[in-house]
Amino acid sequence: MGIAKVDRCLDLRGKVCPYPTFEPRLALNEMAAGEILEVITDYYPAQQTIPQLMQKLGYQCELVDGDKPVFRFIIRKS
């Protein structure tokens, strides 16, 4: 997914379930179609739960730095 700019960023480092999936969903509800949300987290299970939720909601989601202790998701609201 080519990114021109991030419209909103959530830093969820140190937060555990359910926040890494709940907070992005709330943020996306407030965003317009086509906007980009960046989610920063260190909660390892989010590597599965966030992409699953985004697929279910129909949003593009890309994991960045998945091999590092702190990783990011880039989510485009459709």
N, C-alpha and C. Protein backbone atom coordinates (compact mmCIF):
# COMPACT_ATOMS: atom_id res chain seq x y z
N MET A 1 0.85 -1.16 0.00
CA MET A 1 0.00 0.00 0.00
C MET A 1 0.90 1.23 0.00
N GLY A 2 0.81 2.03 -1.02
CA GLY A 2 1.59 3.25 -1.06
C GLY A 2 0.96 4.31 -0.17
N ILE A 3 1.75 4.95 0.66
CA ILE A 3 1.22 5.91 1.62
C ILE A 3 1.71 7.31 1.27
N ALA A 4 0.79 8.22 1.07
CA ALA A 4 1.16 9.61 0.85
C ALA A 4 1.41 10.29 2.20
N LYS A 5 0.48 10.10 3.14
CA LYS A 5 0.63 10.70 4.47
C LYS A 5 -0.28 9.96 5.44
N VAL A 6 0.10 10.00 6.69
CA VAL A 6 -0.72 9.43 7.75
C VAL A 6 -1.63 10.54 8.28
N ASP A 7 -2.92 10.27 8.34
CA ASP A 7 -3.88 11.26 8.81
C ASP A 7 -4.06 11.24 10.32
N ARG A 8 -3.85 10.07 10.92
CA ARG A 8 -4.02 9.93 12.37
C ARG A 8 -3.11 8.82 12.87
N CYS A 9 -2.57 9.00 14.06
CA CYS A 9 -1.66 8.01 14.64
C CYS A 9 -2.12 7.65 16.06
N LEU A 10 -2.16 6.35 16.33
CA LEU A 10 -2.44 5.86 17.68
C LEU A 10 -1.20 5.16 18.20
N ASP A 11 -0.69 5.60 19.33
CA ASP A 11 0.44 4.94 19.97
C ASP A 11 -0.11 4.11 21.12
N LEU A 12 -0.16 2.80 20.93
CA LEU A 12 -0.77 1.90 21.90
C LEU A 12 0.27 1.04 22.61
N ARG A 13 1.51 1.49 22.63
CA ARG A 13 2.56 0.73 23.32
C ARG A 13 2.18 0.58 24.80
N GLY A 14 2.34 -0.66 25.29
CA GLY A 14 2.05 -0.94 26.68
C GLY A 14 0.59 -1.32 26.95
N LYS A 15 -0.26 -1.17 25.96
CA LYS A 15 -1.68 -1.53 26.13
C LYS A 15 -1.91 -2.96 25.64
N VAL A 16 -2.76 -3.67 26.38
CA VAL A 16 -3.08 -5.05 26.04
C VAL A 16 -4.56 -5.16 25.69
N CYS A 17 -4.96 -6.34 25.30
CA CYS A 17 -6.32 -6.63 24.87
C CYS A 17 -7.33 -6.10 25.88
N PRO A 18 -8.35 -5.41 25.43
CA PRO A 18 -8.86 -5.29 24.07
C PRO A 18 -8.44 -4.01 23.35
N TYR A 19 -7.61 -3.17 23.99
CA TYR A 19 -7.31 -1.84 23.43
C TYR A 19 -6.66 -1.84 22.05
N PRO A 20 -5.72 -2.75 21.73
CA PRO A 20 -5.11 -2.71 20.39
C PRO A 20 -6.08 -2.95 19.23
N THR A 21 -7.24 -3.53 19.49
CA THR A 21 -8.23 -3.65 18.42
C THR A 21 -9.39 -2.66 18.62
N PHE A 22 -9.74 -2.38 19.86
CA PHE A 22 -10.86 -1.50 20.16
C PHE A 22 -10.59 -0.04 19.76
N GLU A 23 -9.43 0.47 20.14
CA GLU A 23 -9.12 1.88 19.87
C GLU A 23 -8.98 2.19 18.37
N PRO A 24 -8.31 1.33 17.58
CA PRO A 24 -8.28 1.61 16.13
C PRO A 24 -9.67 1.62 15.50
N ARG A 25 -10.52 0.71 15.97
CA ARG A 25 -11.88 0.66 15.42
C ARG A 25 -12.62 1.96 15.73
N LEU A 26 -12.51 2.47 16.94
CA LEU A 26 -13.14 3.74 17.28
C LEU A 26 -12.58 4.89 16.44
N ALA A 27 -11.25 4.91 16.28
CA ALA A 27 -10.62 5.97 15.49
C ALA A 27 -11.10 5.93 14.04
N LEU A 28 -11.18 4.73 13.47
CA LEU A 28 -11.62 4.60 12.08
C LEU A 28 -13.07 5.04 11.91
N ASN A 29 -13.90 4.86 12.92
CA ASN A 29 -15.29 5.33 12.84
C ASN A 29 -15.36 6.84 12.70
N GLU A 30 -14.36 7.55 13.21
CA GLU A 30 -14.34 9.01 13.15
C GLU A 30 -13.66 9.54 11.89
N MET A 31 -13.00 8.66 11.14
CA MET A 31 -12.22 9.08 9.97
C MET A 31 -13.04 8.98 8.69
N ALA A 32 -12.63 9.73 7.68
CA ALA A 32 -13.29 9.71 6.38
C ALA A 32 -12.68 8.63 5.50
N ALA A 33 -13.44 8.20 4.53
CA ALA A 33 -12.96 7.21 3.57
C ALA A 33 -11.70 7.73 2.88
N GLY A 34 -10.71 6.84 2.75
CA GLY A 34 -9.45 7.21 2.09
C GLY A 34 -8.38 7.69 3.05
N GLU A 35 -8.74 7.99 4.28
CA GLU A 35 -7.74 8.44 5.25
C GLU A 35 -6.93 7.27 5.77
N ILE A 36 -5.71 7.60 6.26
CA ILE A 36 -4.76 6.59 6.73
C ILE A 36 -4.59 6.69 8.24
N LEU A 37 -4.69 5.53 8.89
CA LEU A 37 -4.46 5.42 10.33
C LEU A 37 -3.20 4.60 10.56
N GLU A 38 -2.30 5.12 11.39
CA GLU A 38 -1.10 4.38 11.79
C GLU A 38 -1.31 3.94 13.24
N VAL A 39 -1.09 2.65 13.50
CA VAL A 39 -1.22 2.11 14.85
C VAL A 39 0.15 1.57 15.26
N ILE A 40 0.68 2.06 16.37
CA ILE A 40 1.98 1.62 16.90
C ILE A 40 1.68 0.79 18.15
N THR A 41 2.23 -0.42 18.21
CA THR A 41 1.97 -1.29 19.35
C THR A 41 3.13 -2.24 19.61
N ASP A 42 3.16 -2.76 20.81
CA ASP A 42 4.14 -3.78 21.16
C ASP A 42 3.43 -5.04 21.67
N TYR A 43 2.12 -5.10 21.46
CA TYR A 43 1.32 -6.24 21.91
C TYR A 43 1.31 -7.29 20.80
N TYR A 44 2.12 -8.32 20.99
CA TYR A 44 2.36 -9.31 19.94
C TYR A 44 1.08 -9.93 19.35
N PRO A 45 0.06 -10.30 20.15
CA PRO A 45 -1.15 -10.89 19.55
C PRO A 45 -1.85 -9.96 18.55
N ALA A 46 -1.58 -8.67 18.62
CA ALA A 46 -2.19 -7.74 17.67
C ALA A 46 -1.76 -8.01 16.24
N GLN A 47 -0.63 -8.71 16.06
CA GLN A 47 -0.20 -9.04 14.70
C GLN A 47 -1.22 -9.93 14.00
N GLN A 48 -2.06 -10.61 14.75
CA GLN A 48 -3.12 -11.41 14.15
C GLN A 48 -4.48 -10.74 14.29
N THR A 49 -4.76 -10.16 15.45
CA THR A 49 -6.11 -9.65 15.69
C THR A 49 -6.44 -8.39 14.87
N ILE A 50 -5.47 -7.49 14.72
CA ILE A 50 -5.75 -6.27 13.96
C ILE A 50 -6.00 -6.57 12.48
N PRO A 51 -5.12 -7.34 11.81
CA PRO A 51 -5.41 -7.64 10.40
C PRO A 51 -6.73 -8.40 10.20
N GLN A 52 -7.06 -9.31 11.12
CA GLN A 52 -8.33 -10.04 11.01
C GLN A 52 -9.51 -9.09 11.10
N LEU A 53 -9.47 -8.17 12.06
CA LEU A 53 -10.55 -7.21 12.22
C LEU A 53 -10.65 -6.29 11.00
N MET A 54 -9.52 -5.81 10.52
CA MET A 54 -9.54 -4.90 9.38
C MET A 54 -10.07 -5.59 8.12
N GLN A 55 -9.72 -6.85 7.94
CA GLN A 55 -10.24 -7.60 6.80
C GLN A 55 -11.76 -7.73 6.92
N LYS A 56 -12.23 -8.02 8.12
CA LYS A 56 -13.67 -8.15 8.37
C LYS A 56 -14.40 -6.84 8.08
N LEU A 57 -13.75 -5.71 8.42
CA LEU A 57 -14.35 -4.39 8.19
C LEU A 57 -14.17 -3.90 6.76
N GLY A 58 -13.32 -4.58 5.99
CA GLY A 58 -13.10 -4.20 4.59
C GLY A 58 -12.06 -3.12 4.39
N TYR A 59 -11.13 -2.96 5.35
CA TYR A 59 -10.08 -1.94 5.25
C TYR A 59 -8.76 -2.58 4.88
N GLN A 60 -7.94 -1.87 4.12
CA GLN A 60 -6.59 -2.33 3.79
C GLN A 60 -5.72 -2.16 5.04
N CYS A 61 -4.90 -3.18 5.31
CA CYS A 61 -4.06 -3.16 6.51
C CYS A 61 -2.71 -3.76 6.17
N GLU A 62 -1.66 -3.04 6.53
CA GLU A 62 -0.29 -3.50 6.27
C GLU A 62 0.51 -3.48 7.57
N LEU A 63 1.17 -4.58 7.87
CA LEU A 63 2.05 -4.68 9.03
C LEU A 63 3.43 -4.18 8.64
N VAL A 64 4.00 -3.30 9.43
CA VAL A 64 5.33 -2.75 9.18
C VAL A 64 6.21 -3.08 10.39
N ASP A 65 7.43 -3.52 10.15
CA ASP A 65 8.38 -3.86 11.22
C ASP A 65 7.85 -4.98 12.11
N GLY A 66 7.20 -5.97 11.52
CA GLY A 66 6.61 -7.07 12.27
C GLY A 66 7.61 -7.93 13.01
N ASP A 67 8.89 -7.84 12.64
CA ASP A 67 9.93 -8.64 13.29
C ASP A 67 10.59 -7.89 14.45
N LYS A 68 10.09 -6.70 14.77
CA LYS A 68 10.68 -5.89 15.84
C LYS A 68 9.76 -5.86 17.06
N PRO A 69 10.29 -5.52 18.23
CA PRO A 69 9.47 -5.48 19.45
C PRO A 69 8.32 -4.47 19.38
N VAL A 70 8.55 -3.36 18.71
CA VAL A 70 7.50 -2.37 18.48
C VAL A 70 7.24 -2.36 16.97
N PHE A 71 5.99 -2.57 16.60
CA PHE A 71 5.66 -2.65 15.17
C PHE A 71 4.46 -1.74 14.89
N ARG A 72 4.19 -1.56 13.62
CA ARG A 72 3.15 -0.62 13.21
C ARG A 72 2.20 -1.27 12.22
N PHE A 73 1.02 -0.75 12.19
CA PHE A 73 0.05 -1.09 11.16
C PHE A 73 -0.32 0.19 10.43
N ILE A 74 -0.42 0.08 9.13
CA ILE A 74 -0.91 1.18 8.31
C ILE A 74 -2.25 0.72 7.78
N ILE A 75 -3.29 1.46 8.11
CA ILE A 75 -4.67 1.06 7.76
C ILE A 75 -5.30 2.18 6.95
N ARG A 76 -5.84 1.80 5.79
CA ARG A 76 -6.54 2.76 4.94
C ARG A 76 -8.03 2.49 5.05
N LYS A 77 -8.76 3.51 5.47
CA LYS A 77 -10.22 3.36 5.56
C LYS A 77 -10.81 3.44 4.17
N SER A 78 -11.64 2.46 3.84
CA SER A 78 -12.25 2.45 2.50
C SER A 78 -13.66 2.97 2.56
